[in-house]
Protein backbone atom coordinates (compact mmCIF):
# COMPACT_ATOMS: atom_id res chain seq x y z
CA MET A 1 22.77 -17.93 15.37
CA THR A 2 21.96 -16.11 18.59
CA ASP A 3 18.81 -14.68 16.98
CA MET A 4 17.32 -18.15 16.57
CA ASP A 5 14.94 -19.39 19.24
CA ASN A 6 12.66 -21.97 17.61
CA VAL A 7 12.29 -24.36 14.69
CA LEU A 8 8.99 -25.39 13.13
CA VAL A 9 8.64 -28.81 11.49
CA ILE A 10 5.88 -29.43 8.93
CA ASN A 11 4.87 -32.83 7.56
CA ALA A 12 2.10 -32.31 5.01
CA GLY A 13 0.08 -35.15 3.51
CA SER A 14 -3.00 -35.43 1.33
CA SER A 15 -5.50 -35.15 4.18
CA SER A 16 -3.49 -33.72 7.07
CA VAL A 17 -0.82 -31.21 8.02
CA LYS A 18 1.24 -32.31 11.02
CA PHE A 19 3.45 -29.82 12.82
CA GLN A 20 5.83 -29.59 15.77
CA LEU A 21 7.40 -26.49 17.25
CA PHE A 22 10.78 -26.89 18.97
CA GLY A 23 12.44 -24.32 21.20
CA ILE A 24 16.21 -23.97 21.54
CA PRO A 25 16.76 -22.81 25.14
CA ALA A 26 20.53 -23.35 25.31
CA HIS A 27 23.41 -25.10 23.56
CA ASP A 28 21.17 -25.89 20.57
CA ARG A 29 19.22 -28.48 22.55
CA LEU A 30 15.86 -29.00 20.87
CA GLU A 31 12.91 -28.86 23.25
CA LEU A 32 9.43 -29.81 22.06
CA LEU A 33 6.96 -27.01 22.74
CA VAL A 34 3.90 -27.85 20.64
CA LYS A 35 2.83 -30.94 18.70
CA GLY A 36 -0.29 -30.91 16.57
CA GLN A 37 -2.08 -31.49 13.31
CA VAL A 38 -4.95 -30.41 11.13
CA ASP A 39 -6.53 -33.58 9.77
CA GLY A 40 -9.69 -34.47 7.87
CA ILE A 41 -8.95 -31.80 5.26
CA GLY A 42 -11.97 -31.20 3.03
CA THR A 43 -14.22 -33.60 4.93
CA ARG A 44 -14.21 -33.21 8.72
CA PRO A 45 -11.23 -30.98 9.49
CA ARG A 46 -10.05 -30.71 13.06
CA LEU A 47 -7.18 -28.87 14.73
CA LEU A 48 -5.57 -30.70 17.61
CA ALA A 49 -2.46 -29.55 19.45
CA ARG A 50 -0.77 -30.59 22.68
CA ASN A 51 2.12 -29.28 24.75
CA SER A 52 5.28 -31.21 25.61
CA GLU A 53 3.57 -32.89 28.59
CA GLY A 54 0.67 -34.07 26.43
CA GLY A 55 -1.79 -31.48 27.72
CA THR A 56 -4.38 -30.33 25.19
CA LEU A 57 -3.84 -26.79 23.89
CA ILE A 58 -6.66 -26.92 21.36
CA ASP A 59 -9.04 -29.56 20.03
CA ALA A 60 -11.49 -27.87 17.70
CA PRO A 61 -13.56 -28.88 14.68
CA LEU A 62 -13.17 -26.59 11.67
CA ALA A 63 -15.57 -25.70 8.88
CA PRO A 64 -15.02 -28.02 5.87
CA ALA A 65 -15.52 -25.15 3.43
CA GLU A 66 -12.83 -23.11 5.18
CA VAL A 67 -10.30 -25.95 5.36
CA ALA A 68 -10.79 -27.68 2.03
CA THR A 69 -7.14 -27.79 0.94
CA VAL A 70 -3.66 -28.40 2.33
CA SER A 71 -2.98 -24.68 1.89
CA ALA A 72 -5.98 -23.74 4.02
CA ALA A 73 -4.96 -26.26 6.69
CA LEU A 74 -1.47 -24.81 6.77
CA GLU A 75 -2.89 -21.30 7.19
CA ARG A 76 -4.96 -22.46 10.14
CA ALA A 77 -2.01 -24.21 11.77
CA LEU A 78 0.25 -21.16 11.33
CA LEU A 79 -2.44 -18.86 12.75
CA PHE A 80 -2.66 -21.03 15.85
CA LEU A 81 1.14 -21.06 16.24
CA ARG A 82 1.39 -17.28 15.84
CA GLU A 83 -1.18 -16.89 18.60
CA LYS A 84 0.88 -19.19 20.86
CA THR A 85 4.13 -17.33 20.12
CA GLY A 86 2.80 -13.78 20.31
CA GLY A 87 2.80 -13.28 16.54
CA LYS A 88 6.44 -14.22 16.05
CA LEU A 89 7.41 -16.24 13.00
CA PRO A 90 9.57 -19.34 13.50
CA SER A 91 13.25 -18.82 12.92
CA ALA A 92 13.32 -21.68 10.41
CA ILE A 93 11.04 -24.38 9.04
CA GLY A 94 12.00 -27.98 8.28
CA HIS A 95 9.89 -30.10 5.93
CA ARG A 96 9.63 -33.80 5.24
CA VAL A 97 9.97 -34.44 1.50
CA VAL A 98 9.52 -38.06 0.45
CA HIS A 99 11.62 -38.14 -2.72
CA GLY A 100 14.97 -36.44 -3.27
CA GLY A 101 15.71 -38.19 -6.55
CA PRO A 102 19.31 -38.73 -7.68
CA ASP A 103 20.45 -35.18 -6.92
CA TYR A 104 19.55 -34.56 -3.27
CA LYS A 105 21.49 -36.73 -0.86
CA GLU A 106 21.21 -34.58 2.27
CA PRO A 107 18.97 -31.89 3.81
CA THR A 108 18.88 -28.83 1.56
CA VAL A 109 17.92 -25.16 1.91
CA VAL A 110 14.98 -24.61 -0.42
CA THR A 111 15.09 -22.05 -3.21
CA ASP A 112 12.74 -21.59 -6.17
CA ALA A 113 15.13 -23.65 -8.31
CA VAL A 114 15.28 -26.49 -5.76
CA LEU A 115 11.50 -26.46 -5.42
CA ASN A 116 10.96 -26.64 -9.17
CA HIS A 117 13.37 -29.56 -9.40
CA LEU A 118 11.63 -31.46 -6.60
CA GLU A 119 8.21 -30.93 -8.16
CA ARG A 120 9.39 -32.82 -11.24
CA LEU A 121 9.76 -35.92 -9.05
CA ALA A 122 6.03 -35.97 -8.25
CA PRO A 123 5.29 -38.98 -10.55
CA LEU A 124 7.64 -41.08 -8.38
CA ALA A 125 5.64 -40.32 -5.22
CA PRO A 126 2.17 -39.17 -6.29
CA LEU A 127 0.63 -39.63 -2.84
CA HIS A 128 3.24 -37.52 -1.11
CA GLN A 129 5.55 -35.27 -3.12
CA LEU A 130 3.27 -32.38 -4.14
CA ASN A 131 1.57 -32.38 -0.75
CA ASN A 132 5.00 -32.22 0.94
CA LEU A 133 6.00 -29.31 -1.30
CA ALA A 134 2.78 -27.27 -1.16
CA PRO A 135 3.54 -25.61 2.22
CA ILE A 136 7.09 -24.83 1.09
CA ARG A 137 5.87 -22.92 -1.96
CA ILE A 138 3.27 -21.00 0.05
CA ILE A 139 5.78 -19.93 2.70
CA LEU A 140 8.48 -19.18 0.11
CA ALA A 141 6.09 -16.78 -1.65
CA ARG A 142 4.96 -15.01 1.50
CA HIS A 143 8.17 -15.04 3.55
CA PRO A 144 11.08 -15.41 1.10
CA GLY A 145 13.63 -14.55 3.80
CA LEU A 146 12.46 -17.30 6.16
CA PRO A 147 14.87 -20.27 5.86
CA GLN A 148 13.23 -23.54 4.86
CA VAL A 149 15.01 -26.90 4.79
CA ALA A 150 13.84 -29.95 2.84
CA CYS A 151 14.69 -33.25 4.57
CA PHE A 152 14.42 -36.29 2.32
CA ASP A 153 13.14 -39.78 3.11
CA THR A 154 15.51 -41.15 0.47
CA ALA A 155 18.73 -39.54 1.77
CA PHE A 156 19.61 -42.07 4.51
CA HIS A 157 19.82 -44.88 1.93
CA ARG A 158 22.11 -43.13 -0.52
CA GLY A 159 25.23 -44.90 0.72
CA HIS A 160 24.14 -48.30 -0.58
CA PRO A 161 26.56 -50.24 -2.81
CA ASP A 162 25.66 -50.30 -6.50
CA VAL A 163 24.76 -53.98 -6.34
CA ALA A 164 21.93 -53.05 -3.94
CA ASP A 165 20.67 -50.01 -5.82
CA ARG A 166 20.81 -51.08 -9.47
CA PHE A 167 17.97 -52.64 -11.46
CA ALA A 168 18.86 -55.15 -14.18
CA ILE A 169 18.05 -52.62 -16.92
CA PRO A 170 20.12 -50.80 -19.56
CA ASP A 171 22.69 -48.42 -18.13
CA ASP A 172 21.26 -45.33 -19.81
CA LEU A 173 18.08 -45.72 -17.77
CA HIS A 174 20.12 -46.01 -14.58
CA ARG A 175 21.98 -42.81 -15.44
CA GLU A 176 18.61 -41.08 -15.85
CA GLY A 177 17.83 -41.95 -12.25
CA VAL A 178 15.87 -45.21 -12.60
CA ARG A 179 17.30 -46.94 -9.56
CA ARG A 180 16.36 -48.15 -6.08
CA TYR A 181 16.17 -45.27 -3.61
CA GLY A 182 14.49 -46.59 -0.47
CA PHE A 183 12.20 -44.54 1.78
CA HIS A 184 11.30 -43.90 5.44
CA GLY A 185 14.92 -42.80 5.81
CA LEU A 186 14.18 -40.17 8.46
CA SER A 187 12.58 -42.85 10.63
CA TYR A 188 15.48 -45.27 10.16
CA GLU A 189 18.01 -42.54 10.85
CA TYR A 190 16.26 -41.77 14.14
CA ILE A 191 16.24 -45.46 15.14
CA ALA A 192 19.95 -45.76 14.29
CA ASP A 193 20.60 -42.78 16.55
CA ARG A 194 18.56 -44.31 19.41
CA LEU A 195 20.10 -47.79 19.28
CA PRO A 196 23.26 -46.95 21.29
CA LYS A 197 21.05 -45.65 24.11
CA VAL A 198 18.23 -48.23 24.04
CA ALA A 199 20.01 -51.35 22.76
CA PRO A 200 23.80 -50.84 22.99
CA GLU A 201 24.49 -54.58 22.63
CA ILE A 202 23.29 -54.52 19.00
CA ALA A 203 23.92 -50.89 18.00
CA THR A 204 27.14 -51.64 16.12
CA GLY A 205 25.91 -54.95 14.76
CA ARG A 206 23.48 -56.15 12.10
CA VAL A 207 20.00 -54.84 12.82
CA LEU A 208 16.80 -55.22 10.83
CA VAL A 209 14.32 -52.37 11.38
CA ALA A 210 10.66 -52.73 10.38
CA HIS A 211 8.82 -49.43 9.91
CA LEU A 212 5.26 -50.74 9.93
CA GLY A 213 2.48 -48.21 9.40
CA SER A 214 0.05 -47.25 6.66
CA GLY A 215 3.24 -47.08 4.63
CA ALA A 216 5.54 -49.98 5.48
CA SER A 217 9.12 -50.93 4.71
CA MET A 218 12.17 -52.60 6.23
CA CYS A 219 15.80 -51.53 6.40
CA ALA A 220 19.03 -53.42 7.06
CA LEU A 221 21.44 -51.50 9.30
CA VAL A 222 25.08 -52.44 9.75
CA SER A 223 26.88 -50.32 12.35
CA GLY A 224 24.02 -47.83 12.12
CA LYS A 225 24.25 -47.41 8.33
CA SER A 226 21.63 -48.46 5.78
CA VAL A 227 22.92 -51.20 3.47
CA GLU A 228 19.63 -52.45 1.96
CA SER A 229 15.90 -51.71 2.09
CA THR A 230 12.64 -53.13 0.76
CA MET A 231 11.39 -50.05 -1.12
CA GLY A 232 12.81 -49.12 -4.51
CA PHE A 233 12.25 -46.59 -7.29
CA THR A 234 8.93 -45.57 -5.76
CA ALA A 235 7.14 -46.15 -2.46
CA LEU A 236 5.10 -48.99 -4.04
CA ASP A 237 7.74 -51.70 -3.69
CA GLY A 238 8.49 -54.16 -0.92
CA LEU A 239 5.99 -54.93 1.86
CA PRO A 240 2.22 -54.77 1.41
CA MET A 241 0.89 -51.56 2.99
CA GLY A 242 -2.43 -50.00 3.90
CA THR A 243 -3.46 -49.38 0.29
CA ARG A 244 -0.31 -50.29 -1.71
CA PRO A 245 0.50 -53.84 -2.88
CA GLY A 246 4.22 -53.94 -2.22
CA GLN A 247 6.32 -56.28 -4.38
CA LEU A 248 4.48 -56.92 -7.64
CA ASP A 249 5.36 -58.75 -10.86
CA PRO A 250 5.77 -55.99 -13.51
CA GLY A 251 3.86 -58.28 -15.85
CA ILE A 252 0.72 -57.50 -13.86
CA VAL A 253 0.98 -53.85 -14.90
CA LEU A 254 1.42 -54.95 -18.52
CA TYR A 255 -1.64 -57.18 -18.17
CA LEU A 256 -3.72 -54.30 -16.82
CA LEU A 257 -2.60 -52.15 -19.74
CA THR A 258 -3.04 -54.61 -22.58
CA GLU A 259 -5.75 -57.01 -21.45
CA LYS A 260 -7.84 -54.90 -19.09
CA ARG A 261 -7.32 -51.75 -21.20
CA MET A 262 -6.77 -49.64 -18.08
CA SER A 263 -5.31 -46.17 -18.44
CA GLY A 264 -2.11 -45.13 -16.71
CA SER A 265 -4.03 -42.97 -14.24
CA ALA A 266 -6.43 -45.81 -13.45
CA ILE A 267 -3.54 -48.19 -12.78
CA GLN A 268 -1.85 -45.57 -10.60
CA ASN A 269 -5.05 -45.16 -8.58
CA LEU A 270 -5.39 -48.94 -8.21
CA LEU A 271 -1.81 -49.45 -7.03
CA TYR A 272 -1.70 -46.51 -4.65
CA ASN A 273 -5.24 -46.52 -3.26
CA GLU A 274 -7.01 -49.87 -3.67
CA CYS A 275 -4.46 -52.61 -2.89
CA GLY A 276 -2.57 -53.72 0.21
CA LEU A 277 -4.53 -54.51 3.37
CA LYS A 278 -7.55 -52.73 1.90
CA GLY A 279 -7.54 -54.84 -1.25
CA LEU A 280 -6.83 -58.13 0.54
CA SER A 281 -9.47 -57.69 3.23
CA GLY A 282 -12.13 -55.78 1.31
CA ILE A 283 -12.76 -54.09 4.67
CA SER A 284 -10.18 -51.45 5.55
CA ASN A 285 -6.62 -50.27 5.15
CA ASP A 286 -6.41 -49.69 8.92
CA ALA A 287 -4.71 -52.53 10.80
CA ARG A 288 -6.52 -51.53 14.01
CA ILE A 289 -9.88 -52.20 12.36
CA LEU A 290 -8.66 -55.51 10.92
CA LEU A 291 -7.30 -56.65 14.29
CA ALA A 292 -10.65 -55.90 15.91
CA GLU A 293 -12.70 -57.38 13.05
CA GLN A 294 -11.39 -60.98 13.31
CA SER A 295 -13.28 -62.04 10.18
CA PRO A 296 -11.67 -64.58 7.78
CA ALA A 297 -10.85 -61.79 5.29
CA ALA A 298 -9.31 -59.54 7.96
CA THR A 299 -7.36 -62.46 9.43
CA PHE A 300 -6.00 -63.42 6.01
CA ALA A 301 -4.89 -59.83 5.24
CA LEU A 302 -2.90 -59.65 8.47
CA LYS A 303 -1.48 -63.16 7.97
CA TYR A 304 -0.30 -62.12 4.49
CA PHE A 305 1.22 -58.94 5.96
CA THR A 306 3.26 -60.80 8.59
CA TYR A 307 4.21 -63.54 6.10
CA ARG A 308 5.71 -60.99 3.70
CA ILE A 309 7.56 -59.27 6.55
CA SER A 310 9.17 -62.59 7.47
CA LEU A 311 10.13 -63.27 3.83
CA PHE A 312 11.85 -59.91 3.48
CA ALA A 313 13.55 -60.44 6.84
CA GLY A 314 15.36 -63.41 5.35
CA MET A 315 16.42 -61.35 2.32
CA LEU A 316 17.75 -58.51 4.46
CA ALA A 317 19.54 -60.91 6.80
CA ALA A 318 21.33 -62.28 3.73
CA ALA A 319 22.31 -58.74 2.69
CA MET A 320 23.87 -58.19 6.13
CA GLY A 321 25.51 -61.61 6.34
CA GLY A 322 23.49 -62.46 9.45
CA ILE A 323 21.33 -60.69 12.01
CA ASP A 324 21.88 -59.57 15.60
CA GLY A 325 18.74 -57.54 16.27
CA PHE A 326 15.22 -56.75 15.10
CA VAL A 327 13.43 -53.45 15.80
CA PHE A 328 9.75 -52.69 15.32
CA THR A 329 8.68 -49.06 14.88
CA ALA A 330 5.89 -46.79 13.51
CA GLY A 331 2.15 -47.11 14.14
CA ILE A 332 1.62 -50.86 13.68
CA GLY A 333 5.11 -51.80 14.79
CA GLU A 334 4.77 -49.86 18.05
CA ASN A 335 1.16 -50.71 18.89
CA ALA A 336 0.25 -54.18 17.57
CA PRO A 337 1.66 -56.96 19.81
CA THR A 338 -0.07 -59.71 17.79
CA VAL A 339 1.61 -58.54 14.59
CA ARG A 340 5.03 -58.48 16.29
CA GLU A 341 4.51 -61.94 17.77
CA ALA A 342 3.40 -63.41 14.44
CA VAL A 343 6.50 -62.02 12.70
CA LEU A 344 8.94 -63.23 15.34
CA GLN A 345 7.39 -66.70 15.47
CA ARG A 346 8.10 -67.03 11.75
CA LEU A 347 11.69 -65.97 12.45
CA SER A 348 12.36 -68.66 15.04
CA TRP A 349 14.66 -70.33 12.47
CA LEU A 350 16.93 -67.27 12.83
CA GLY A 351 16.91 -67.65 16.60
CA ALA A 352 14.18 -65.15 17.49
CA GLU A 353 12.21 -65.97 20.64
CA VAL A 354 9.54 -63.55 21.79
CA ASP A 355 8.73 -62.86 25.45
CA PRO A 356 4.89 -62.73 25.46
CA ALA A 357 4.63 -60.61 28.62
CA ALA A 358 7.21 -58.06 27.49
CA ASN A 359 5.66 -57.96 24.04
CA ALA A 360 2.20 -57.29 25.48
CA LEU A 361 3.64 -54.37 27.44
CA GLY A 362 5.38 -52.93 24.38
CA GLY A 363 8.98 -53.55 25.43
CA PRO A 364 11.36 -51.92 24.78
CA CYS A 365 13.01 -55.37 24.74
CA ILE A 366 10.50 -58.07 23.73
CA SER A 367 12.78 -61.08 23.28
CA THR A 368 13.67 -63.71 25.87
CA ARG A 369 17.11 -63.99 27.42
CA LYS A 370 17.71 -67.15 25.36
CA SER A 371 16.82 -65.47 22.05
CA ARG A 372 19.79 -65.32 19.66
CA ILE A 373 18.28 -62.16 18.15
CA LYS A 374 17.61 -59.22 20.45
CA CYS A 375 14.18 -57.82 19.56
CA TYR A 376 12.98 -54.33 20.45
CA VAL A 377 10.12 -51.89 20.08
CA ILE A 378 11.47 -48.35 19.64
CA PRO A 379 9.08 -45.45 18.87
CA THR A 380 10.22 -43.36 15.94
CA ASP A 381 10.32 -39.56 15.78
CA GLU A 382 10.78 -38.28 12.24
CA GLU A 383 9.88 -34.73 13.23
CA LEU A 384 12.70 -34.52 15.77
CA MET A 385 15.08 -35.79 13.10
CA ILE A 386 13.88 -33.06 10.73
CA ALA A 387 14.35 -30.42 13.43
CA ARG A 388 17.92 -31.60 14.06
CA HIS A 389 18.75 -31.49 10.37
CA THR A 390 17.21 -28.03 10.02
CA LEU A 391 19.26 -26.68 12.91
CA ARG A 392 22.46 -28.20 11.51
CA VAL A 393 21.88 -26.82 8.00
CA LEU A 394 21.22 -23.36 9.41
CA HIS A 395 24.48 -23.49 11.36
CA GLU A 396 26.31 -24.36 8.15
CA HIS A 397 24.70 -21.43 6.32
CA ALA A 398 25.06 -18.96 9.18
CA PRO A 399 28.15 -17.18 7.73
CA VAL A 400 26.34 -16.61 4.44
CA ARG A 401 23.30 -15.24 6.20
CA ARG A 402 25.42 -12.89 8.31
CA GLU A 403 27.06 -11.54 5.16
CA GLU A 404 23.60 -11.02 3.64
CA LYS A 405 22.50 -9.08 6.71
CA ARG A 406 25.58 -6.82 6.57
CA ALA A 407 24.95 -6.21 2.86
């Protein structure tokens, strides 16, 4: 792979396209070159990009009519990157794909057949899947020889025992793929990789990781491997999130269907866009706004959020047979000391004792010396994980590609 000098990572959502460009100067060491995003798609689009030191390369508003879709945002991001690299295409592109379904357990080189298969999983992740796949299809059509690798948020959890992944439903439904998958796997995989360096005393033990952002979940790690998680068949389950309810009695959906006469699409919109912190507070899905608001409704929404985190912590501790460490990560987990403190105070029965000063500073270690559970704040980096997977997959396929070149 001597002809390879950079890897592009794309993480496309409904209103933004995030990207990172990594160079490979020597020995396949990934070096961040550019980090950026086009956000506000269709409303107030803006292109922002920084270099590895955090210096601004571009911060420019874009015309809404010109950047009205994910496709248009991708075009603008690629144009900027081509300008920065002298017109050279990346050697490979890695993509975050939320759902891999029952068939994709590891990063996969994308073909038309793979893409068609993944598109059929869109009903299981309506907020994410098609947006994740849109850039792949565009690039596949325009540059079919450019390697693209799909990296799945579900893959890290695929080693769970059956008792953790089965629903109590007929077996034929399970064989069709109705099972618990778990999500945010790229984030958890990164944290598992960082633990030996940041927190070696708990890295091989029983660690609970809380990925707390607009999407939120928790994962139980034993010796760095996922054994249980809070999300299930879809990304609706588990913790309350920015706009999603988390754990919900299925009877509520039946009630909405039969008594409220809501359509399937209306229920989907309710559960994915109108619940969670937004529904509880009636103010916002953004925890930063709720923390600043300090109204009774905002306070209750955050109290509910931390209460549910503590409940699931007990469940996951039971799955691990105990707990040695707790890690906070993602936007809320990394940046909201009051949320972390509220969670750990509820976990005092497990031996957690927070150090207020360390917590206010963001750690990395935020527990006291007397705490039976070592508690940390570790920033996640899903894009770096995707870049690593992309590089590895390309190494594995290098002999095939060399044979294609000779042919």
